Amino acid sequence: MTTEEPRIAVPLLAPAQGLPPVVDTEDAFESALKDLANGKGPFALDAERASGYKFSARAYLIQIARDGGGLHLIDPIPFGPQHSLFLRLNELLATDEVILHASTQDLPCLRELGINPVRLFDTELGGRLAGLPRVGLGPLLESLLGVLLAKEHSAVDWSTRPLPADWLNYAALDVELLVELRDEVDSLLDAAGKSRWAEEEFAAILNAPPNPPRIDPWRRTSGMHHIKKRRQLAVVKELWESRVTLAEALDVSPSRLLSDAAISAIALSIQEDSKIERKKDLEKILRPIGLRARWLEHHERWIACIASAQNLSEDQLPPVRGESDALPPVKVWKEKYPLRYAALTHAKHTLLLRAQELEVPLENLISPEFVRRICWSNPRGGVEGALLELGARNWQVEIVTPVLEAALLQETPLVVEEEALPPATDASSEE
């Protein structure tokens, strides 16, 4: 009996046809469109943003490849959103499937340009549904195609101009084998009987409405759980909102102007008799958390925010808890809502077992928030309709409905030993 030797992954160092020039003129864009139109099959697509550097989430590079149509690196900055050439590219993309890896990351910036795919294949999500343990682009290429992909430029500032050749090479490789990867993932889904699942998931991504504006987004500042006093909450609100206004005007990532940790530290230092009137006062507060010089570049602005919060009357201070349709914390269900808690314990346990059986991450089988809401409301109109209204896909509803219906009949909480969660899939899928 012989055992198959593990395949040795080969580094992918450069595109097979060499690194193409950057498309940054209308003539070059016209030529790229002609090449792509002469190709066949799906389009491999990717985008690079300057996350962590810029306020905007705009695309600073578009990579696109197609069999027989070449590989093209398009600089969107000279053209701008909704340029006629991007609209023509969108019309071309509508003729076939578009392949993206972790599509929800790139679709917003692509849509800003005027690119709205009508058929999608997401290799990251497909890998999750297929039950693969690591679904980042690099790990997928290594496990399915035997290729090593370097990711050393994933977090660089893509707004840099001109873009260095090694960055462009890195970007080009992200789409070099994306068509082949799509075919491998598709084969796994088909063999597992999950192709319909994937089709529904991809369609749901394309049809998802924009996220509604968050209520009181400043309340999501890191470290907020330590802040209990309303005056301190007012300081967070003033600093957060002023930081966003300045960051948008400068097109700089807000955390580069003043980090969440700095905002929380300032707020926690505020007492009724606090006097923060000089740059040195801020330095004293921020030094224990690792003072950064750039936090003080706009110190007069931050001091004015603190003063504004301190001058608010009591009735002007933000409430300790903001408006929200969030459910009560699960930790209080056991004592205050025992029937709801009993249903939830049975649902969570059975769904975990079902996810393991189907070899799919639990969070992809069904949103944990949907499970909590069903167990909380015990919908009179039926579980199936409630799940569909929440946004669950048909394949999810078929699997999850009987589990939740059975759980809602339980009156005694399920007590089990600490459940071993299935191995977390590698969510890293950076461009």
Protein backbone atom coordinates (compact mmCIF):
# COMPACT_ATOMS: atom_id res chain seq x y z
CA MET A 1 0.00 0.00 0.00
CA THR A 2 1.42 3.37 -0.99
CA THR A 3 0.58 6.77 0.37
CA GLU A 4 0.36 9.82 -1.81
CA GLU A 5 3.13 12.30 -1.12
CA PRO A 6 1.99 15.82 -0.28
CA ARG A 7 2.18 18.24 -3.17
CA ILE A 8 4.93 20.85 -2.85
CA ALA A 9 3.52 24.32 -3.48
CA VAL A 10 5.32 26.39 -6.10
CA PRO A 11 5.74 30.15 -5.54
CA LEU A 12 3.81 32.34 -7.96
CA LEU A 13 6.25 35.15 -8.66
CA ALA A 14 4.95 36.94 -11.75
CA PRO A 15 2.07 36.83 -14.24
CA ALA A 16 2.60 34.28 -17.00
CA GLN A 17 2.46 36.97 -19.69
CA GLY A 18 4.53 39.47 -17.72
CA LEU A 19 3.46 42.55 -15.79
CA PRO A 20 1.16 44.70 -17.95
CA PRO A 21 1.48 48.50 -18.02
CA VAL A 22 -0.95 50.49 -15.90
CA VAL A 23 -4.04 51.66 -17.77
CA ASP A 24 -4.20 55.38 -17.01
CA THR A 25 -5.25 56.97 -20.30
CA GLU A 26 -8.44 56.73 -22.31
CA ASP A 27 -6.61 55.17 -25.25
CA ALA A 28 -5.15 52.47 -23.01
CA PHE A 29 -8.58 51.86 -21.45
CA GLU A 30 -10.15 51.54 -24.90
CA SER A 31 -7.51 48.97 -25.84
CA ALA A 32 -8.11 47.00 -22.63
CA LEU A 33 -11.85 46.89 -23.30
CA LYS A 34 -11.21 45.58 -26.81
CA ASP A 35 -8.89 42.84 -25.49
CA LEU A 36 -11.38 41.79 -22.81
CA ALA A 37 -14.23 41.69 -25.32
CA ASN A 38 -12.18 39.31 -27.48
CA GLY A 39 -11.71 36.93 -24.56
CA LYS A 40 -14.13 34.29 -23.36
CA GLY A 41 -15.55 33.00 -20.10
CA PRO A 42 -15.81 34.71 -16.71
CA PHE A 43 -13.95 37.81 -15.61
CA ALA A 44 -11.52 37.69 -12.67
CA LEU A 45 -11.81 40.99 -10.80
CA ASP A 46 -10.16 42.61 -7.80
CA ALA A 47 -9.68 46.08 -6.33
CA GLU A 48 -7.13 47.71 -4.05
CA ARG A 49 -8.08 50.38 -1.54
CA ALA A 50 -6.07 52.47 0.90
CA SER A 51 -7.75 51.15 4.04
CA GLY A 52 -6.12 52.53 7.17
CA TYR A 53 -4.64 55.44 5.23
CA LYS A 54 -7.58 57.25 3.66
CA PHE A 55 -11.04 58.21 4.89
CA SER A 56 -12.70 57.15 1.66
CA ALA A 57 -13.04 53.52 0.64
CA ARG A 58 -12.48 54.33 -3.02
CA ALA A 59 -10.58 52.00 -5.32
CA TYR A 60 -7.03 52.98 -6.24
CA LEU A 61 -6.40 50.06 -8.58
CA ILE A 62 -8.64 47.66 -10.50
CA GLN A 63 -7.28 44.30 -11.66
CA ILE A 64 -9.17 42.36 -14.29
CA ALA A 65 -8.31 39.24 -16.28
CA ARG A 66 -10.09 36.97 -18.74
CA ASP A 67 -9.06 33.92 -20.74
CA GLY A 68 -7.93 35.18 -24.12
CA GLY A 69 -8.54 38.77 -22.99
CA GLY A 70 -5.36 39.43 -21.08
CA LEU A 71 -4.68 40.84 -17.63
CA HIS A 72 -5.16 44.57 -17.09
CA LEU A 73 -4.31 46.94 -14.24
CA ILE A 74 -6.56 50.00 -14.35
CA ASP A 75 -5.81 53.14 -12.37
CA PRO A 76 -9.30 54.58 -11.68
CA ILE A 77 -8.06 57.94 -10.39
CA PRO A 78 -7.51 59.64 -13.80
CA PHE A 79 -11.03 58.66 -14.85
CA GLY A 80 -13.16 59.07 -11.74
CA PRO A 81 -16.50 57.52 -10.76
CA GLN A 82 -19.10 56.82 -13.45
CA HIS A 83 -16.70 57.59 -16.28
CA SER A 84 -18.08 56.45 -19.63
CA LEU A 85 -15.29 53.88 -19.97
CA PHE A 86 -16.19 52.31 -16.63
CA LEU A 87 -19.82 52.18 -17.75
CA ARG A 88 -18.73 50.39 -20.92
CA LEU A 89 -16.66 48.00 -18.81
CA ASN A 90 -19.76 47.35 -16.71
CA GLU A 91 -21.75 46.49 -19.84
CA LEU A 92 -19.02 44.04 -20.85
CA LEU A 93 -18.94 42.42 -17.40
CA ALA A 94 -22.69 41.88 -17.61
CA THR A 95 -22.14 39.43 -20.47
CA ASP A 96 -20.63 36.78 -18.18
CA GLU A 97 -19.84 35.83 -14.60
CA VAL A 98 -17.61 38.02 -12.44
CA ILE A 99 -15.26 36.28 -10.00
CA LEU A 100 -14.31 38.11 -6.81
CA HIS A 101 -12.62 36.92 -3.65
CA ALA A 102 -14.44 38.21 -0.53
CA SER A 103 -16.74 40.22 -2.77
CA THR A 104 -18.41 42.25 -0.02
CA GLN A 105 -15.09 44.01 0.57
CA ASP A 106 -14.72 45.20 -3.02
CA LEU A 107 -18.26 45.66 -4.32
CA PRO A 108 -18.85 49.07 -2.68
CA CYS A 109 -15.79 50.68 -4.28
CA LEU A 110 -16.52 48.99 -7.61
CA ARG A 111 -20.10 50.23 -7.58
CA GLU A 112 -18.87 53.74 -6.87
CA LEU A 113 -17.02 53.57 -10.19
CA GLY A 114 -20.09 52.25 -12.01
CA ILE A 115 -19.31 48.53 -11.94
CA ASN A 116 -22.31 46.44 -10.88
CA PRO A 117 -21.88 42.71 -11.60
CA VAL A 118 -25.04 40.80 -12.45
CA ARG A 119 -23.55 37.30 -12.00
CA LEU A 120 -21.12 36.60 -9.20
CA PHE A 121 -18.86 33.82 -7.99
CA ASP A 122 -17.14 34.53 -4.67
CA THR A 123 -14.21 32.16 -4.15
CA GLU A 124 -13.88 33.01 -0.45
CA LEU A 125 -17.54 32.37 0.36
CA GLY A 126 -17.54 29.33 -1.92
CA GLY A 127 -14.62 27.93 0.04
CA ARG A 128 -16.49 28.45 3.30
CA LEU A 129 -19.58 26.65 2.03
CA ALA A 130 -17.40 23.82 0.72
CA GLY A 131 -16.09 23.34 4.26
CA LEU A 132 -12.47 24.33 3.63
CA PRO A 133 -10.65 25.28 6.83
CA ARG A 134 -8.66 28.22 5.41
CA VAL A 135 -10.30 30.47 2.85
CA GLY A 136 -7.92 33.37 2.38
CA LEU A 137 -6.82 33.75 -1.23
CA GLY A 138 -3.29 32.55 -0.50
CA PRO A 139 -4.30 29.41 1.43
CA LEU A 140 -6.90 28.50 -1.20
CA LEU A 141 -4.40 28.80 -4.04
CA GLU A 142 -1.93 26.72 -2.07
CA SER A 143 -4.35 23.94 -1.11
CA LEU A 144 -6.28 23.70 -4.38
CA LEU A 145 -3.76 24.72 -7.04
CA GLY A 146 -0.42 24.04 -5.35
CA VAL A 147 0.70 27.65 -5.68
CA LEU A 148 2.24 29.94 -3.05
CA LEU A 149 1.07 33.55 -3.22
CA ALA A 150 3.07 36.25 -1.42
CA LYS A 151 0.90 38.74 0.48
CA GLU A 152 3.52 41.19 1.73
CA HIS A 153 1.89 44.23 0.10
CA SER A 154 -1.69 43.65 1.29
CA ALA A 155 -1.69 46.59 3.72
CA VAL A 156 0.24 49.23 1.78
CA ASP A 157 -1.02 52.69 0.87
CA TRP A 158 -2.48 52.11 -2.59
CA SER A 159 -3.08 55.83 -3.06
CA THR A 160 0.69 56.17 -3.62
CA ARG A 161 1.62 57.40 -7.08
CA PRO A 162 3.40 56.13 -9.02
CA LEU A 163 2.69 52.63 -7.75
CA PRO A 164 5.91 50.60 -7.31
CA ALA A 165 6.41 47.73 -9.73
CA ASP A 166 6.50 45.11 -6.97
CA TRP A 167 3.13 46.33 -5.68
CA LEU A 168 1.67 46.08 -9.16
CA ASN A 169 3.09 42.59 -9.54
CA TYR A 170 1.45 41.58 -6.25
CA ALA A 171 -1.88 43.05 -7.41
CA ALA A 172 -1.72 41.31 -10.78
CA LEU A 173 -1.15 37.93 -9.14
CA ASP A 174 -4.41 38.30 -7.21
CA VAL A 175 -6.34 37.68 -10.44
CA GLU A 176 -3.77 35.61 -12.36
CA LEU A 177 -5.25 32.27 -11.27
CA LEU A 178 -8.66 33.37 -10.02
CA VAL A 179 -10.52 31.68 -12.90
CA GLU A 180 -8.77 28.37 -12.21
CA LEU A 181 -9.45 28.74 -8.49
CA ARG A 182 -13.13 29.39 -9.19
CA ASP A 183 -13.35 26.13 -11.14
CA GLU A 184 -11.74 24.15 -8.30
CA VAL A 185 -14.07 25.61 -5.68
CA ASP A 186 -17.06 25.06 -7.95
CA SER A 187 -16.12 21.40 -8.34
CA LEU A 188 -15.99 20.97 -4.57
CA LEU A 189 -19.39 22.61 -4.16
CA ASP A 190 -20.88 20.42 -6.87
CA ALA A 191 -19.45 17.23 -5.36
CA ALA A 192 -20.89 18.17 -1.95
CA GLY A 193 -24.32 19.03 -3.36
CA LYS A 194 -23.91 22.66 -2.33
CA SER A 195 -23.99 24.43 -5.68
CA ARG A 196 -27.50 25.75 -5.08
CA TRP A 197 -26.43 27.06 -1.70
CA ALA A 198 -23.62 29.01 -3.32
CA GLU A 199 -25.86 30.38 -6.08
CA GLU A 200 -28.34 31.68 -3.52
CA GLU A 201 -25.57 33.22 -1.42
CA PHE A 202 -23.96 34.96 -4.39
CA ALA A 203 -27.31 36.31 -5.57
CA ALA A 204 -28.07 37.56 -2.05
CA ILE A 205 -24.81 39.52 -2.01
CA LEU A 206 -25.63 41.24 -5.29
CA ASN A 207 -29.21 42.00 -4.25
CA ALA A 208 -28.48 43.13 -0.69
CA PRO A 209 -29.69 46.69 0.00
CA PRO A 210 -27.20 49.23 1.34
CA ASN A 211 -26.68 49.09 5.06
CA PRO A 212 -28.84 51.70 6.82
CA PRO A 213 -26.98 54.49 8.63
CA ARG A 214 -26.02 53.48 12.13
CA ILE A 215 -27.72 55.17 15.05
CA ASP A 216 -25.13 56.91 17.24
CA PRO A 217 -22.10 55.38 15.49
CA TRP A 218 -19.84 57.06 18.04
CA ARG A 219 -21.07 54.52 20.59
CA ARG A 220 -19.02 51.88 18.76
CA THR A 221 -15.77 53.55 19.81
CA SER A 222 -13.38 50.95 21.23
CA GLY A 223 -13.26 51.09 25.01
CA MET A 224 -16.82 52.41 25.40
CA HIS A 225 -17.70 49.61 27.80
CA HIS A 226 -15.52 51.34 30.43
CA ILE A 227 -17.39 54.65 30.11
CA LYS A 228 -20.49 54.97 32.28
CA LYS A 229 -20.89 58.69 33.06
CA ARG A 230 -22.98 60.81 30.74
CA ARG A 231 -20.49 63.68 30.75
CA GLN A 232 -17.78 61.31 29.62
CA LEU A 233 -20.09 59.96 26.92
CA ALA A 234 -20.54 63.54 25.70
CA VAL A 235 -16.76 63.89 25.40
CA VAL A 236 -16.59 60.72 23.29
CA LYS A 237 -19.40 61.98 21.06
CA GLU A 238 -17.82 65.41 20.54
CA LEU A 239 -14.36 64.02 19.81
CA TRP A 240 -15.63 61.22 17.55
CA GLU A 241 -17.84 63.48 15.44
CA SER A 242 -15.18 66.17 15.12
CA ARG A 243 -12.60 63.57 14.17
CA VAL A 244 -14.85 62.20 11.39
CA THR A 245 -15.49 65.69 10.01
CA LEU A 246 -11.77 66.46 9.89
CA ALA A 247 -10.84 63.03 8.51
CA GLU A 248 -13.34 63.37 5.68
CA ALA A 249 -12.07 66.85 4.81
CA LEU A 250 -8.45 65.65 4.76
CA ASP A 251 -9.26 62.21 3.30
CA VAL A 252 -7.29 60.57 6.09
CA SER A 253 -8.20 57.52 8.13
CA PRO A 254 -9.80 58.80 11.38
CA SER A 255 -7.57 56.61 13.55
CA ARG A 256 -4.53 58.43 12.18
CA LEU A 257 -5.82 61.69 13.59
CA LEU A 258 -6.89 60.37 16.98
CA SER A 259 -7.27 56.70 17.85
CA ASP A 260 -10.27 55.20 19.60
CA ALA A 261 -7.99 54.37 22.52
CA ALA A 262 -7.04 58.03 22.79
CA ILE A 263 -10.68 59.15 22.70
CA SER A 264 -11.60 56.69 25.44
CA ALA A 265 -8.60 57.68 27.57
CA ILE A 266 -9.51 61.36 27.32
CA ALA A 267 -13.15 60.69 28.18
CA LEU A 268 -12.29 58.52 31.18
CA SER A 269 -10.04 61.26 32.55
CA ILE A 270 -12.89 63.75 32.66
CA GLN A 271 -14.26 64.57 36.09
CA GLU A 272 -16.53 67.45 37.11
CA ASP A 273 -13.54 69.62 38.04
CA SER A 274 -11.29 68.58 35.13
CA LYS A 275 -9.35 71.34 33.39
CA ILE A 276 -7.99 70.41 29.97
CA GLU A 277 -6.95 73.69 28.44
CA ARG A 278 -3.43 73.16 27.10
CA LYS A 279 -1.51 70.78 24.92
CA LYS A 280 0.39 69.59 27.99
CA ASP A 281 -2.87 68.55 29.64
CA LEU A 282 -3.58 66.22 26.72
CA GLU A 283 -0.03 64.89 26.72
CA LYS A 284 -0.38 63.91 30.39
CA ILE A 285 -3.56 61.93 29.64
CA LEU A 286 -2.28 60.21 26.51
CA ARG A 287 1.29 59.39 27.53
CA PRO A 288 0.30 56.21 29.47
CA ILE A 289 -1.25 54.67 26.34
CA GLY A 290 1.70 55.48 24.09
CA LEU A 291 1.38 59.11 23.03
CA ARG A 292 1.72 59.67 19.29
CA ALA A 293 2.78 63.06 18.02
CA ARG A 294 0.12 63.15 15.31
CA TRP A 295 -2.63 62.96 17.94
CA LEU A 296 -1.62 66.44 19.07
CA GLU A 297 -1.35 68.07 15.63
CA HIS A 298 -4.93 69.27 16.08
CA HIS A 299 -4.82 69.64 19.86
CA GLU A 300 -6.74 72.93 19.82
CA ARG A 301 -9.61 71.17 18.06
CA TRP A 302 -9.69 68.34 20.62
CA ILE A 303 -9.53 70.77 23.54
CA ALA A 304 -12.46 72.71 22.07
CA CYS A 305 -14.46 69.45 21.83
CA ILE A 306 -13.78 68.65 25.47
CA ALA A 307 -14.82 72.15 26.52
CA SER A 308 -18.01 71.87 24.48
CA ALA A 309 -18.92 68.61 26.23
CA GLN A 310 -18.14 70.05 29.65
CA ASN A 311 -20.39 73.05 28.99
CA LEU A 312 -23.46 70.99 28.12
CA SER A 313 -26.35 71.16 30.54
CA GLU A 314 -27.51 67.98 32.20
CA ASP A 315 -30.50 67.59 29.89
CA GLN A 316 -28.23 67.94 26.83
CA LEU A 317 -25.99 65.02 27.77
CA PRO A 318 -26.42 61.79 25.78
CA PRO A 319 -28.28 58.97 27.56
CA VAL A 320 -26.25 56.08 28.93
CA ARG A 321 -27.97 53.76 26.46
CA GLY A 322 -28.76 54.81 22.92
CA GLU A 323 -31.77 53.96 20.81
CA SER A 324 -31.56 50.41 19.56
CA ASP A 325 -33.71 47.50 18.48
CA ALA A 326 -31.14 45.10 19.90
CA LEU A 327 -32.42 42.22 22.01
CA PRO A 328 -31.64 42.02 25.74
CA PRO A 329 -28.19 40.51 26.39
CA VAL A 330 -28.37 36.71 26.32
CA LYS A 331 -26.71 36.55 29.74
CA VAL A 332 -29.93 37.87 31.35
CA TRP A 333 -32.26 35.50 29.52
CA LYS A 334 -31.68 32.60 31.90
CA GLU A 335 -33.10 34.44 34.90
CA LYS A 336 -35.54 36.88 33.34
CA TYR A 337 -36.78 35.01 30.27
CA PRO A 338 -36.35 31.29 31.01
CA LEU A 339 -38.54 29.98 28.15
CA ARG A 340 -36.65 32.05 25.59
CA TYR A 341 -33.39 30.89 27.11
CA ALA A 342 -34.46 27.25 26.99
CA ALA A 343 -35.29 27.54 23.28
CA LEU A 344 -31.96 29.22 22.58
CA THR A 345 -29.89 26.55 24.30
CA HIS A 346 -31.53 23.77 22.33
CA ALA A 347 -31.30 25.70 19.06
CA LYS A 348 -27.60 26.53 19.46
CA HIS A 349 -26.62 23.00 20.35
CA THR A 350 -28.57 21.31 17.56
CA LEU A 351 -27.46 23.85 14.94
CA LEU A 352 -23.84 23.34 15.93
CA LEU A 353 -24.20 19.60 15.40
CA ARG A 354 -25.96 20.19 12.09
CA ALA A 355 -23.23 22.54 10.89
CA GLN A 356 -20.56 19.98 11.75
CA GLU A 357 -22.52 17.30 9.92
CA LEU A 358 -22.86 19.47 6.81
CA GLU A 359 -19.25 20.68 7.02
CA VAL A 360 -20.15 24.34 6.87
CA PRO A 361 -19.27 27.10 9.37
CA LEU A 362 -22.09 27.69 11.81
CA GLU A 363 -22.26 31.39 10.95
CA ASN A 364 -22.78 30.48 7.29
CA LEU A 365 -25.45 27.91 8.09
CA ILE A 366 -27.50 30.65 9.73
CA SER A 367 -26.83 34.05 11.26
CA PRO A 368 -26.61 33.77 15.07
CA GLU A 369 -28.64 36.99 15.25
CA PHE A 370 -31.48 35.32 13.32
CA VAL A 371 -31.43 32.42 15.78
CA ARG A 372 -31.63 34.77 18.76
CA ARG A 373 -34.50 36.73 17.22
CA ILE A 374 -36.52 33.63 16.41
CA CYS A 375 -36.03 32.22 19.91
CA TRP A 376 -36.92 35.57 21.43
CA SER A 377 -40.08 36.24 19.41
CA ASN A 378 -41.40 32.68 18.90
CA PRO A 379 -43.12 33.99 15.75
CA ARG A 380 -46.81 33.21 15.56
CA GLY A 381 -46.74 33.30 11.79
CA GLY A 382 -44.26 30.46 11.69
CA VAL A 383 -40.50 30.09 11.74
CA GLU A 384 -40.11 29.74 7.99
CA GLY A 385 -41.74 33.07 7.17
CA ALA A 386 -39.90 34.84 9.96
CA LEU A 387 -36.54 33.55 8.72
CA LEU A 388 -37.26 34.68 5.16
CA GLU A 389 -38.31 38.10 6.43
CA LEU A 390 -35.05 38.41 8.34
CA GLY A 391 -33.12 37.65 5.16
CA ALA A 392 -32.28 33.96 5.41
CA ARG A 393 -31.78 32.14 2.11
CA ASN A 394 -34.05 29.33 0.97
CA TRP A 395 -31.40 26.65 1.54
CA GLN A 396 -30.85 27.91 5.06
CA VAL A 397 -34.56 28.00 5.80
CA GLU A 398 -34.99 24.39 4.65
CA ILE A 399 -32.27 23.16 7.02
CA VAL A 400 -32.82 25.44 10.00
CA THR A 401 -36.63 25.66 10.26
CA PRO A 402 -37.23 22.18 11.75
CA VAL A 403 -34.39 22.72 14.23
CA LEU A 404 -35.82 25.99 15.47
CA GLU A 405 -39.39 24.70 15.54
CA ALA A 406 -38.29 21.85 17.79
CA ALA A 407 -36.26 24.19 20.00
CA LEU A 408 -39.23 26.51 20.54
CA LEU A 409 -41.18 23.64 22.10
CA GLN A 410 -38.59 23.14 24.84
CA GLU A 411 -39.28 24.49 28.32
CA THR A 412 -36.14 23.32 30.11
CA PRO A 413 -32.70 24.68 29.20
CA LEU A 414 -30.28 22.20 27.69
CA VAL A 415 -27.25 21.71 29.87
CA VAL A 416 -24.25 20.37 27.99
CA GLU A 417 -20.53 20.37 28.51
CA GLU A 418 -18.66 23.20 26.84
CA GLU A 419 -19.26 22.64 23.16
CA ALA A 420 -16.23 22.38 20.96
CA LEU A 421 -16.84 24.79 18.12
CA PRO A 422 -15.78 23.70 14.65
CA PRO A 423 -12.41 25.09 13.56
CA ALA A 424 -12.80 28.70 12.50
CA THR A 425 -12.30 29.30 8.82
CA ASP A 426 -9.55 31.68 7.84
CA ALA A 427 -11.41 34.89 7.12
CA SER A 428 -8.31 36.64 5.91
CA SER A 429 -8.91 37.33 2.28
CA GLU A 430 -7.13 40.59 1.88
CA GLU A 431 -6.92 41.83 -1.62
